Amino acid sequence: MQTVLRGRLVSGGTVVEDAVLTLDGDRIATVTTAADHPDPPSPTDHVLLPGLVDVHCHGGAGGSFPDSDLDGVRRAAAFHRSRGTTTLVGSLVSAHPRTLRQRLAMLAPLVGDELAGVHLEGPYLSAARCGAQDPAALRPGDPAELAQLLATGAVVSVTLAPETAHAAELVALCRAHGVLPSVGHTDADAATARALLDGAGPISATHLFNGMPPLLSRAPGPVAACLAAAARGELVVELVADGVHLDPATVAMVFDLVDPEQVALVSDAMAAAGQPDGAYRLGSLDVTVRDGVARLTHDPGAIAGGTATLSDVLRRTVRDAGVDLAAAVTAATATPARLLGVDAEVGQLTPGRRADVLVTDPDLVPRAVYAAGVRVHREEN
């Protein structure tokens, strides 16, 4: 069955002002200008984007990847899909080894369908920069434990602090399993971070600036090391550009310094995404959401994940930070797809790729989502 869409197409760093996109089954069949199409649909004000790719998401719609039952996990994945994220990585938080094994066993059957894989955010993190991670669940790097977790085949990325024990061995272990290492929740100085990054191969920085010491003139810290590596094309920086984790001017500054091919917009969403204010959980910790901002109940100064979807983050990046539309779309699609190694399938609107499409209005508010060619109707506000 074919679906034909017309609108302003943004993909692969380019913009086609009036394009026609044809989906045939679960694949993109053709992409042409409306002028070159033999029988184009009526003009629209739609914007056609690749399905979004979120490599850091803890949940949504009341469901949480670290602690919900299977129904809750599936509800969270379906919610984000309905908002335009057609490739989603489910993020866990630091927990007891037995808990992590149990969560991976539950999530593994969903990988390849509802989820693109699982992200372990911890447990080998800095207690000084634990943020919304449970300090009691943090521990030094343990290669034997990590090898057991990676052997499940469900893990696609691991966040670790450069200063943790056996950090280089943990990175090498990730490489051996085809898993992306990511530096984050770290109190390391710039030299320690740089030593782990040098020659590490594909690597990312988990929500740059958050869970790290600030960049100072005489203490540049991991932020400086990560920005420099990203500017050299050696690292991809995650940005939670939701207006809470980062000021829009900070987001704009990163895009001014770093090519969009080295920036991945992420939601870092938790269970409260798409839900009202109230009480929630993130792993073993209580979270209070007030005015749409999630913070730890016992420590209101600590942000506890996001409540925005990746389509919200994309919209804020363009509207509030003033980032070029094509660059912002690349950072929400092609870059994270490449980071996951799935860029041959998703991340751009080109013939042969999977028919994942986000249709928005001119303000980037989702109107429709196609996942593998099947229309997903988003919930009305």
Protein backbone atom coordinates (compact mmCIF):
# COMPACT_ATOMS: atom_id res chain seq x y z
CA MET A 1 0.00 0.00 0.00
CA GLN A 2 1.35 3.41 -0.98
CA THR A 3 1.14 6.65 0.99
CA VAL A 4 1.96 9.95 -0.73
CA LEU A 5 2.87 13.01 1.36
CA ARG A 6 3.56 16.56 0.25
CA GLY A 7 5.23 19.34 2.17
CA ARG A 8 8.48 21.05 3.11
CA LEU A 9 10.96 18.19 3.45
CA VAL A 10 13.90 18.51 5.86
CA SER A 11 16.45 15.69 5.88
CA GLY A 12 20.17 15.08 5.68
CA GLY A 13 21.04 18.72 6.28
CA THR A 14 18.98 20.01 3.36
CA VAL A 15 15.53 21.52 2.87
CA VAL A 16 13.27 20.93 -0.14
CA GLU A 17 10.59 23.60 0.00
CA ASP A 18 7.92 21.64 -1.86
CA ALA A 19 8.53 17.90 -1.98
CA VAL A 20 6.54 14.74 -2.55
CA LEU A 21 7.43 11.69 -0.47
CA THR A 22 6.07 8.27 -1.43
CA LEU A 23 5.97 5.40 1.06
CA ASP A 24 5.49 1.86 -0.23
CA GLY A 25 4.80 -0.60 2.56
CA ASP A 26 7.49 -0.20 5.21
CA ARG A 27 9.96 1.54 2.86
CA ILE A 28 10.47 4.98 1.36
CA ALA A 29 9.92 4.55 -2.37
CA THR A 30 10.60 7.97 -3.91
CA VAL A 31 11.45 11.54 -2.97
CA THR A 32 10.92 14.22 -5.62
CA THR A 33 10.08 17.88 -5.90
CA ALA A 34 6.39 18.56 -6.43
CA ALA A 35 7.26 20.09 -9.80
CA ASP A 36 8.84 16.81 -10.92
CA HIS A 37 6.07 14.54 -9.66
CA PRO A 38 3.62 13.32 -12.32
CA ASP A 39 0.56 13.62 -10.07
CA PRO A 40 1.36 15.52 -6.86
CA PRO A 41 -1.14 15.79 -4.00
CA SER A 42 -2.57 19.19 -3.12
CA PRO A 43 -0.14 21.64 -1.52
CA THR A 44 0.03 21.64 2.29
CA ASP A 45 1.77 23.61 5.03
CA HIS A 46 3.19 20.35 6.40
CA VAL A 47 6.83 19.82 7.28
CA LEU A 48 8.11 16.30 6.52
CA LEU A 49 10.89 15.05 8.80
CA PRO A 50 12.60 11.70 9.32
CA GLY A 51 11.25 9.83 12.32
CA LEU A 52 13.14 11.08 15.36
CA VAL A 53 15.85 9.01 17.06
CA ASP A 54 16.13 9.33 20.86
CA VAL A 55 19.16 7.63 22.43
CA HIS A 56 18.37 8.69 26.02
CA CYS A 57 14.86 8.23 27.39
CA HIS A 58 13.68 6.81 30.74
CA GLY A 59 9.95 6.73 30.07
CA GLY A 60 6.72 8.63 29.51
CA ALA A 61 2.92 8.43 29.78
CA GLY A 62 3.34 7.21 33.37
CA GLY A 63 5.56 4.31 32.33
CA SER A 64 9.21 3.99 33.30
CA PHE A 65 11.89 1.77 31.76
CA PRO A 66 13.79 1.47 35.09
CA ASP A 67 10.83 0.42 37.23
CA SER A 68 7.47 -0.16 35.45
CA ASP A 69 5.88 -3.49 34.55
CA LEU A 70 5.71 -4.61 30.93
CA ASP A 71 2.46 -2.74 30.27
CA GLY A 72 3.98 0.48 31.59
CA VAL A 73 7.11 0.05 29.51
CA ARG A 74 5.09 -0.54 26.35
CA ARG A 75 2.88 2.45 27.13
CA ALA A 76 5.96 4.67 27.44
CA ALA A 77 7.39 3.45 24.13
CA ALA A 78 4.06 3.88 22.34
CA PHE A 79 3.68 7.39 23.73
CA HIS A 80 7.01 8.56 22.38
CA ARG A 81 6.33 6.90 19.04
CA SER A 82 3.05 8.79 18.78
CA ARG A 83 4.99 12.05 19.27
CA GLY A 84 7.41 11.31 16.46
CA THR A 85 10.19 9.25 18.02
CA THR A 86 10.19 6.15 15.84
CA THR A 87 13.59 4.89 17.08
CA LEU A 88 13.81 4.85 20.87
CA VAL A 89 16.46 3.63 23.30
CA GLY A 90 15.14 2.81 26.77
CA SER A 91 17.42 4.14 29.51
CA LEU A 92 17.91 2.50 32.90
CA VAL A 93 19.45 4.11 35.98
CA SER A 94 22.01 2.82 38.47
CA ALA A 95 20.71 -0.12 40.50
CA HIS A 96 21.74 -3.33 42.24
CA PRO A 97 23.25 -5.89 39.82
CA ARG A 98 20.29 -8.22 40.28
CA THR A 99 17.85 -5.40 39.48
CA LEU A 100 19.73 -4.48 36.30
CA ARG A 101 19.74 -8.11 35.17
CA GLN A 102 16.00 -8.37 35.82
CA ARG A 103 15.24 -5.18 33.91
CA LEU A 104 17.35 -6.28 30.95
CA ALA A 105 15.62 -9.66 30.89
CA MET A 106 12.23 -7.92 30.76
CA LEU A 107 13.23 -5.35 28.12
CA ALA A 108 15.23 -7.65 25.84
CA PRO A 109 12.14 -9.11 24.06
CA LEU A 110 11.08 -5.56 23.12
CA VAL A 111 14.37 -4.75 21.39
CA GLY A 112 13.93 -4.64 17.63
CA ASP A 113 10.26 -3.68 17.84
CA GLU A 114 9.23 -1.23 20.55
CA LEU A 115 12.83 -0.36 21.47
CA ALA A 116 16.07 0.06 19.55
CA GLY A 117 17.98 -1.17 22.59
CA VAL A 118 18.73 -0.38 26.22
CA HIS A 119 21.01 2.32 27.62
CA LEU A 120 22.70 1.70 30.98
CA GLU A 121 23.11 5.10 32.63
CA GLY A 122 25.44 3.82 35.32
CA PRO A 123 26.20 2.31 37.76
CA TYR A 124 29.90 3.27 37.31
CA LEU A 125 29.37 6.96 37.96
CA SER A 126 30.70 9.69 40.25
CA ALA A 127 28.89 10.06 43.58
CA ALA A 128 29.85 13.74 43.51
CA ARG A 129 27.86 14.21 40.26
CA CYS A 130 25.19 11.56 40.68
CA GLY A 131 22.25 13.92 39.97
CA ALA A 132 19.08 11.81 40.08
CA GLN A 133 21.03 8.55 40.39
CA ASP A 134 20.75 6.73 43.73
CA PRO A 135 24.17 7.16 45.46
CA ALA A 136 23.67 3.80 47.18
CA ALA A 137 23.55 2.09 43.77
CA LEU A 138 26.82 3.55 42.47
CA ARG A 139 29.98 1.45 42.45
CA PRO A 140 33.47 1.38 40.92
CA GLY A 141 33.86 0.03 37.43
CA ASP A 142 33.49 -3.75 37.41
CA PRO A 143 34.43 -5.39 34.07
CA ALA A 144 33.11 -8.81 35.13
CA GLU A 145 29.71 -7.38 36.02
CA LEU A 146 29.52 -5.31 32.86
CA ALA A 147 30.40 -8.34 30.74
CA GLN A 148 27.40 -10.18 32.23
CA LEU A 149 25.08 -7.27 31.49
CA LEU A 150 26.33 -6.87 27.93
CA ALA A 151 26.00 -10.59 27.27
CA THR A 152 22.20 -10.16 27.24
CA GLY A 153 22.53 -8.53 23.81
CA ALA A 154 19.98 -5.86 24.74
CA VAL A 155 22.41 -3.08 25.69
CA VAL A 156 23.38 -0.56 23.01
CA SER A 157 25.08 2.12 25.16
CA VAL A 158 26.65 2.56 28.59
CA THR A 159 27.30 5.79 30.51
CA LEU A 160 30.37 5.71 32.77
CA ALA A 161 32.55 8.26 34.53
CA PRO A 162 36.10 8.55 33.13
CA GLU A 163 37.50 8.43 36.68
CA THR A 164 35.82 5.16 37.63
CA ALA A 165 37.97 2.09 38.22
CA HIS A 166 38.99 0.18 35.06
CA ALA A 167 37.45 2.87 32.83
CA ALA A 168 39.61 2.03 29.80
CA GLU A 169 38.82 -1.67 30.23
CA LEU A 170 35.09 -0.90 30.41
CA VAL A 171 35.32 1.09 27.17
CA ALA A 172 37.20 -1.76 25.48
CA LEU A 173 34.54 -4.21 26.73
CA CYS A 174 31.82 -2.05 25.19
CA ARG A 175 33.74 -2.01 21.91
CA ALA A 176 34.05 -5.80 21.93
CA HIS A 177 30.27 -6.11 22.25
CA GLY A 178 29.46 -3.44 19.66
CA VAL A 179 28.11 -1.16 22.42
CA LEU A 180 28.54 2.62 22.48
CA PRO A 181 30.44 4.00 25.50
CA SER A 182 29.40 7.40 26.80
CA VAL A 183 31.05 9.62 29.40
CA GLY A 184 28.83 11.28 31.97
CA HIS A 185 27.94 11.87 35.62
CA THR A 186 31.59 12.68 36.16
CA ASP A 187 33.70 14.88 38.40
CA ALA A 188 36.84 14.27 36.36
CA ASP A 189 39.26 17.00 35.40
CA ALA A 190 39.91 17.76 31.75
CA ALA A 191 43.08 15.65 31.59
CA THR A 192 41.35 12.53 32.94
CA ALA A 193 38.46 12.93 30.54
CA ARG A 194 40.78 13.62 27.61
CA ALA A 195 42.91 10.55 28.39
CA LEU A 196 39.87 8.27 28.10
CA LEU A 197 38.58 9.98 24.96
CA ASP A 198 41.85 9.97 23.02
CA GLY A 199 41.76 7.13 20.51
CA ALA A 200 38.59 5.71 22.05
CA GLY A 201 36.77 5.49 18.73
CA PRO A 202 33.03 6.31 18.49
CA ILE A 203 31.96 7.70 21.84
CA SER A 204 29.41 10.16 23.19
CA ALA A 205 28.91 12.50 26.14
CA THR A 206 25.77 11.88 28.17
CA HIS A 207 23.72 15.11 28.50
CA LEU A 208 26.66 17.50 28.20
CA PHE A 209 26.90 20.08 31.05
CA ASN A 210 24.44 18.14 33.25
CA GLY A 211 26.01 15.84 35.82
CA MET A 212 29.40 17.51 35.31
CA PRO A 213 31.38 20.34 36.91
CA PRO A 214 30.99 23.64 35.06
CA LEU A 215 33.57 24.81 32.55
CA LEU A 216 35.77 27.37 34.34
CA SER A 217 38.74 29.38 33.14
CA ARG A 218 41.27 27.47 35.26
CA ALA A 219 39.30 24.27 35.69
CA PRO A 220 37.90 23.38 32.25
CA GLY A 221 36.79 19.93 33.34
CA PRO A 222 35.08 17.30 31.18
CA VAL A 223 32.94 19.86 29.36
CA ALA A 224 35.99 21.37 27.68
CA ALA A 225 37.40 17.94 26.80
CA CYS A 226 34.09 16.80 25.31
CA LEU A 227 33.48 19.99 23.34
CA ALA A 228 36.99 19.89 21.90
CA ALA A 229 36.60 16.22 20.93
CA ALA A 230 33.24 16.96 19.32
CA ALA A 231 34.70 19.89 17.38
CA ARG A 232 37.38 17.50 16.07
CA GLY A 233 34.68 15.04 15.00
CA GLU A 234 35.74 12.44 17.58
CA LEU A 235 32.74 12.52 19.93
CA VAL A 236 29.00 13.22 19.85
CA VAL A 237 27.55 15.40 22.59
CA GLU A 238 24.02 14.84 23.86
CA LEU A 239 21.98 17.98 24.60
CA VAL A 240 18.75 17.97 26.63
CA ALA A 241 17.48 21.16 24.99
CA ASP A 242 14.17 21.25 26.84
CA GLY A 243 14.55 24.73 28.37
CA VAL A 244 15.13 23.18 31.83
CA HIS A 245 18.39 21.26 31.61
CA LEU A 246 20.06 23.91 29.44
CA ASP A 247 19.55 27.58 28.69
CA PRO A 248 18.75 28.15 25.00
CA ALA A 249 21.88 30.28 24.68
CA THR A 250 23.96 27.29 25.79
CA VAL A 251 22.33 25.15 23.12
CA ALA A 252 22.99 27.81 20.48
CA MET A 253 26.63 28.07 21.57
CA VAL A 254 27.19 24.32 21.14
CA PHE A 255 25.71 24.37 17.62
CA ASP A 256 27.92 27.38 16.80
CA LEU A 257 31.02 25.42 17.90
CA VAL A 258 30.17 21.89 16.81
CA ASP A 259 28.80 20.50 13.56
CA PRO A 260 25.29 19.02 13.89
CA GLU A 261 26.81 15.67 12.87
CA GLN A 262 28.44 15.69 16.33
CA VAL A 263 25.34 16.74 18.33
CA ALA A 264 22.51 14.44 19.40
CA LEU A 265 19.38 16.03 20.79
CA VAL A 266 17.83 13.82 23.47
CA SER A 267 14.76 13.99 25.69
CA ASP A 268 16.06 12.33 28.89
CA ALA A 269 12.32 11.95 29.48
CA MET A 270 10.97 10.12 32.52
CA ALA A 271 7.55 8.76 33.42
CA ALA A 272 5.97 12.21 33.78
CA ALA A 273 6.41 13.09 30.09
CA GLY A 274 2.91 13.68 28.74
CA GLN A 275 1.47 13.54 32.27
CA PRO A 276 0.30 16.14 34.81
CA ASP A 277 2.34 17.46 37.73
CA GLY A 278 2.55 15.15 40.72
CA ALA A 279 4.54 12.37 42.36
CA TYR A 280 6.57 9.89 40.28
CA ARG A 281 9.51 7.50 40.59
CA LEU A 282 12.81 7.25 38.76
CA GLY A 283 14.40 3.97 39.69
CA SER A 284 14.49 3.84 43.49
CA LEU A 285 14.05 7.58 44.00
CA ASP A 286 10.91 9.68 44.51
CA VAL A 287 10.39 12.54 42.08
CA THR A 288 8.09 15.54 42.31
CA VAL A 289 6.99 17.29 39.12
CA ARG A 290 5.90 20.89 39.51
CA ASP A 291 5.19 23.25 36.61
CA GLY A 292 6.43 20.53 34.27
CA VAL A 293 9.88 20.28 35.92
CA ALA A 294 10.92 16.97 37.50
CA ARG A 295 13.12 17.16 40.61
CA LEU A 296 14.10 14.73 43.35
CA THR A 297 11.61 14.95 46.20
CA HIS A 298 14.32 14.78 48.89
CA ASP A 299 16.63 17.17 47.00
CA PRO A 300 14.62 19.75 45.02
CA GLY A 301 17.81 21.15 43.53
CA ALA A 302 18.44 18.00 41.49
CA ILE A 303 16.71 17.70 38.11
CA ALA A 304 15.32 14.17 37.74
CA GLY A 305 15.00 13.68 33.98
CA GLY A 306 12.80 15.55 31.54
CA THR A 307 9.10 15.82 30.84
CA ALA A 308 9.45 16.83 27.18
CA THR A 309 9.42 14.55 24.15
CA LEU A 310 12.12 14.73 21.51
CA SER A 311 9.73 16.58 19.19
CA ASP A 312 9.35 19.18 21.97
CA VAL A 313 13.14 19.39 22.27
CA LEU A 314 13.51 19.82 18.51
CA ARG A 315 10.92 22.59 18.46
CA ARG A 316 12.62 24.44 21.35
CA THR A 317 16.02 24.10 19.70
CA VAL A 318 14.74 25.89 16.60
CA ARG A 319 12.33 28.32 18.22
CA ASP A 320 14.14 29.28 21.45
CA ALA A 321 17.81 28.64 20.64
CA GLY A 322 17.52 29.91 17.06
CA VAL A 323 19.33 26.88 15.63
CA ASP A 324 19.00 26.37 11.88
CA LEU A 325 16.14 23.96 11.14
CA ALA A 326 18.19 21.60 8.98
CA ALA A 327 20.95 21.44 11.62
CA ALA A 328 18.49 20.78 14.45
CA VAL A 329 16.76 18.04 12.45
CA THR A 330 20.12 16.38 11.73
CA ALA A 331 20.85 16.38 15.47
CA ALA A 332 17.51 14.70 16.20
CA THR A 333 17.68 12.13 13.39
CA ALA A 334 20.79 11.37 11.32
CA THR A 335 23.39 11.92 14.06
CA PRO A 336 21.81 9.69 16.72
CA ALA A 337 21.02 7.08 14.04
CA ARG A 338 24.71 7.00 13.10
CA LEU A 339 25.64 6.84 16.79
CA LEU A 340 23.54 3.68 17.14
CA GLY A 341 24.83 2.23 13.88
CA VAL A 342 21.34 2.14 12.32
CA ASP A 343 21.80 5.00 9.85
CA ALA A 344 21.41 2.68 6.85
CA GLU A 345 17.81 2.13 7.98
CA VAL A 346 16.66 5.34 9.66
CA GLY A 347 17.57 8.98 10.20
CA GLN A 348 17.03 10.34 6.66
CA LEU A 349 14.23 10.43 4.12
CA THR A 350 15.81 8.65 1.17
CA PRO A 351 14.57 5.77 -0.99
CA GLY A 352 15.11 2.34 0.53
CA ARG A 353 15.20 3.46 4.13
CA ARG A 354 12.48 2.49 6.56
CA ALA A 355 9.33 4.56 6.14
CA ASP A 356 9.61 6.45 9.43
CA VAL A 357 8.20 9.95 8.96
CA LEU A 358 7.16 12.75 11.29
CA VAL A 359 4.67 15.18 9.79
CA THR A 360 4.42 18.51 11.60
CA ASP A 361 2.81 21.89 11.17
CA PRO A 362 5.05 24.90 10.34
CA ASP A 363 5.76 25.32 14.08
CA LEU A 364 7.05 21.73 14.31
CA VAL A 365 4.04 20.51 16.29
CA PRO A 366 3.39 16.85 15.34
CA ARG A 367 0.38 16.15 13.13
CA ALA A 368 1.03 12.55 12.14
CA VAL A 369 3.65 9.86 12.52
CA TYR A 370 4.45 6.96 10.22
CA ALA A 371 6.41 4.10 11.75
CA ALA A 372 7.56 1.58 9.13
CA GLY A 373 4.85 2.99 6.86
CA VAL A 374 2.02 2.58 9.38
CA ARG A 375 0.31 5.78 10.49
CA VAL A 376 0.43 6.39 14.24
CA HIS A 377 -2.23 8.79 15.48
CA ARG A 378 -0.99 10.95 18.30
CA GLU A 379 -3.21 11.75 21.23
CA GLU A 380 -4.93 15.11 21.13
CA ASN A 381 -3.98 17.65 23.79
